[in-house]
Protein backbone atom coordinates (compact mmCIF):
# COMPACT_ATOMS: atom_id res chain seq x y z
CA MET A 1 -1.25 -21.53 -28.55
CA LYS A 2 1.13 -22.60 -25.81
CA LEU A 3 -0.28 -23.69 -22.44
CA HIS A 4 1.49 -23.17 -19.12
CA HIS A 5 0.53 -25.13 -16.02
CA TYR A 6 0.96 -24.07 -12.40
CA THR A 7 0.63 -26.19 -9.29
CA ILE A 8 0.31 -24.56 -5.88
CA ASP A 9 -0.31 -26.24 -2.55
CA VAL A 10 -2.33 -24.42 0.10
CA LYS A 11 -2.42 -25.98 3.55
CA TRP A 12 -4.58 -24.66 6.38
CA LYS A 13 -2.62 -24.25 9.64
CA GLY A 14 -5.36 -22.72 11.77
CA ASN A 15 -6.84 -25.61 13.73
CA VAL A 16 -6.31 -24.67 17.37
CA GLY A 17 -7.93 -27.82 18.72
CA ARG A 18 -11.60 -27.34 17.91
CA GLY A 19 -11.50 -27.27 14.11
CA THR A 20 -14.30 -25.21 12.58
CA GLU A 21 -16.66 -25.75 15.48
CA SER A 22 -17.66 -22.08 15.11
CA TYR A 23 -16.64 -19.05 13.06
CA THR A 24 -14.43 -17.87 15.92
CA SER A 25 -12.93 -21.25 16.88
CA TYR A 26 -10.16 -21.34 14.26
CA LYS A 27 -7.40 -19.23 12.77
CA ARG A 28 -7.23 -18.37 9.09
CA ASN A 29 -3.48 -19.07 8.85
CA HIS A 30 -2.23 -21.19 5.97
CA ILE A 31 0.91 -21.78 3.95
CA ILE A 32 1.27 -21.49 0.21
CA SER A 33 3.96 -23.62 -1.37
CA SER A 34 5.18 -25.15 -4.58
CA GLU A 35 7.99 -27.61 -5.13
CA GLY A 36 11.39 -25.96 -4.90
CA LYS A 37 10.02 -22.53 -3.88
CA THR A 38 9.95 -20.51 -0.70
CA ILE A 39 6.87 -20.94 1.47
CA ILE A 40 4.52 -17.97 1.82
CA ASP A 41 2.70 -17.53 5.10
CA GLY A 42 -0.87 -16.52 4.47
CA SER A 43 -4.00 -15.64 6.38
CA SER A 44 -7.22 -13.83 5.66
CA ASP A 45 -7.51 -10.06 5.73
CA PRO A 46 -7.68 -8.78 9.33
CA SER A 47 -11.26 -7.66 8.59
CA PHE A 48 -12.11 -11.35 8.31
CA ARG A 49 -10.35 -12.50 11.49
CA GLY A 50 -6.98 -12.88 9.78
CA ASP A 51 -3.43 -12.32 10.97
CA LYS A 52 -2.30 -8.85 9.87
CA THR A 53 1.36 -10.01 9.79
CA LYS A 54 0.67 -12.48 6.96
CA TYR A 55 -0.26 -11.98 3.32
CA SER A 56 -3.94 -12.29 2.46
CA PRO A 57 -5.27 -13.57 -0.87
CA GLU A 58 -6.19 -9.95 -1.63
CA ASP A 59 -2.59 -8.82 -1.00
CA LEU A 60 -1.32 -11.57 -3.27
CA LEU A 61 -3.73 -10.64 -6.07
CA VAL A 62 -2.53 -7.03 -6.07
CA ALA A 63 1.11 -8.21 -5.84
CA SER A 64 0.61 -10.59 -8.77
CA ILE A 65 -0.72 -7.81 -10.98
CA SER A 66 2.10 -5.47 -9.96
CA ALA A 67 4.86 -8.06 -10.50
CA CYS A 68 3.48 -9.19 -13.87
CA HIS A 69 3.26 -5.59 -15.09
CA MET A 70 6.80 -4.86 -13.89
CA LEU A 71 8.25 -7.90 -15.64
CA TRP A 72 6.56 -6.99 -18.92
CA PHE A 73 7.65 -3.36 -18.61
CA LEU A 74 11.29 -4.33 -17.99
CA HIS A 75 11.17 -6.72 -20.96
CA LEU A 76 9.76 -4.02 -23.23
CA CYS A 77 12.34 -1.47 -22.02
CA ALA A 78 15.17 -3.91 -22.71
CA ASP A 79 13.83 -4.48 -26.24
CA ALA A 80 13.51 -0.69 -26.75
CA LYS A 81 17.05 -0.03 -25.42
CA ILE A 82 15.72 1.98 -22.48
CA ILE A 83 17.95 1.37 -19.48
CA VAL A 84 15.99 1.01 -16.25
CA GLU A 85 18.15 1.32 -13.13
CA GLU A 86 15.41 1.03 -10.47
CA TYR A 87 11.73 0.09 -10.36
CA THR A 88 9.47 0.29 -7.32
CA ASP A 89 5.70 0.02 -7.36
CA THR A 90 3.27 0.96 -4.62
CA ALA A 91 0.18 -0.81 -5.91
CA THR A 92 -3.25 -0.43 -4.36
CA GLY A 93 -6.47 -2.33 -4.81
CA ILE A 94 -10.04 -1.53 -3.92
CA MET A 95 -12.30 -4.40 -2.96
CA GLU A 96 -15.97 -4.04 -2.16
CA GLU A 97 -17.68 -6.33 0.29
CA MET A 98 -21.32 -7.16 -0.36
CA PRO A 99 -24.02 -7.47 2.33
CA ASP A 100 -23.99 -11.28 1.94
CA GLY A 101 -20.28 -11.39 2.83
CA GLY A 102 -19.04 -11.93 -0.72
CA GLY A 103 -17.24 -9.29 -2.69
CA ARG A 104 -15.06 -8.36 -5.62
CA PHE A 105 -12.24 -6.07 -6.58
CA ARG A 106 -13.36 -2.83 -8.21
CA GLU A 107 -9.92 -1.75 -9.41
CA VAL A 108 -6.16 -1.94 -8.94
CA THR A 109 -3.84 1.02 -9.47
CA LEU A 110 -0.12 0.57 -10.07
CA ARG A 111 2.19 3.47 -9.23
CA PRO A 112 5.60 2.55 -10.61
CA ASP A 113 8.50 4.79 -9.69
CA VAL A 114 11.02 4.15 -12.45
CA VAL A 115 14.60 5.39 -12.66
CA ILE A 116 16.02 5.45 -16.19
CA THR A 117 19.32 6.75 -17.54
CA ASP A 118 18.14 8.96 -20.44
CA GLU A 119 15.67 11.81 -20.00
CA LEU A 120 14.91 11.70 -23.73
CA GLN A 121 13.40 8.23 -23.27
CA ILE A 122 10.71 9.21 -20.75
CA GLU A 123 7.88 9.57 -23.29
CA LYS A 124 8.76 6.29 -24.97
CA ALA A 125 9.04 4.52 -21.60
CA SER A 126 5.68 5.92 -20.52
CA LYS A 127 4.02 4.41 -23.58
CA LEU A 128 5.57 1.05 -22.71
CA HIS A 129 3.48 1.02 -19.54
CA ASP A 130 0.39 0.97 -21.76
CA ARG A 131 1.81 -1.93 -23.74
CA ALA A 132 2.86 -3.81 -20.60
CA ASN A 133 -0.68 -3.42 -19.25
CA LYS A 134 -2.06 -4.99 -22.44
CA LEU A 135 0.41 -7.89 -22.29
CA CYS A 136 0.22 -8.69 -18.57
CA PHE A 137 -1.20 -12.20 -18.17
CA ILE A 138 -2.63 -11.45 -14.74
CA ALA A 139 -4.25 -8.11 -15.64
CA ASN A 140 -5.79 -9.75 -18.71
CA SER A 141 -7.40 -12.33 -16.44
CA CYS A 142 -9.12 -9.76 -14.21
CA ASN A 143 -12.71 -8.57 -14.57
CA PHE A 144 -11.87 -5.10 -13.21
CA PRO A 145 -9.72 -2.24 -14.54
CA VAL A 146 -6.01 -2.02 -13.81
CA TYR A 147 -4.73 1.55 -13.93
CA HIS A 148 -1.14 2.75 -13.91
CA GLU A 149 0.27 6.09 -12.81
CA PRO A 150 4.03 5.93 -13.47
CA ILE A 151 6.59 8.39 -12.23
CA PHE A 152 9.91 8.64 -14.04
CA ARG A 153 13.15 9.90 -12.61
CA ILE A 154 16.55 10.21 -14.21
CA LYS A 155 19.57 8.57 -12.63
CA SER A 156 21.83 11.32 -11.35
CA ALA A 157 25.50 11.10 -12.19
């Protein structure tokens, strides 16, 4: 077994002079960073007094699943000699909020729109989505189902 380690810094940037004096006295804004990488501006979901122009932890969870799946799928296609020209995913997640304010994700659905060069490879490529889902590190770490509904298109000449 090989272990991989990740270090992320999260710094709250929402003190507007009164700290957390009350639930409404502070902003949820924060930055996410790691040495040598671009900073991500974050906040909470707007439902929880967050800034809708910044990524929430929930957004980032769905994005992590989508990106991990995509990277595995592209790897598997390269190994299978399936040429992918474009890949776009419109991923969605459903989170339920409990009466006590806590919550959890119920599911995430990936909807990859994949452009390949050979129509005869569509069935094989579709099966690689199943394999990518089984190999995705992030999806394997979730306690909810991750579905995928791929669409395949052929690159026009």
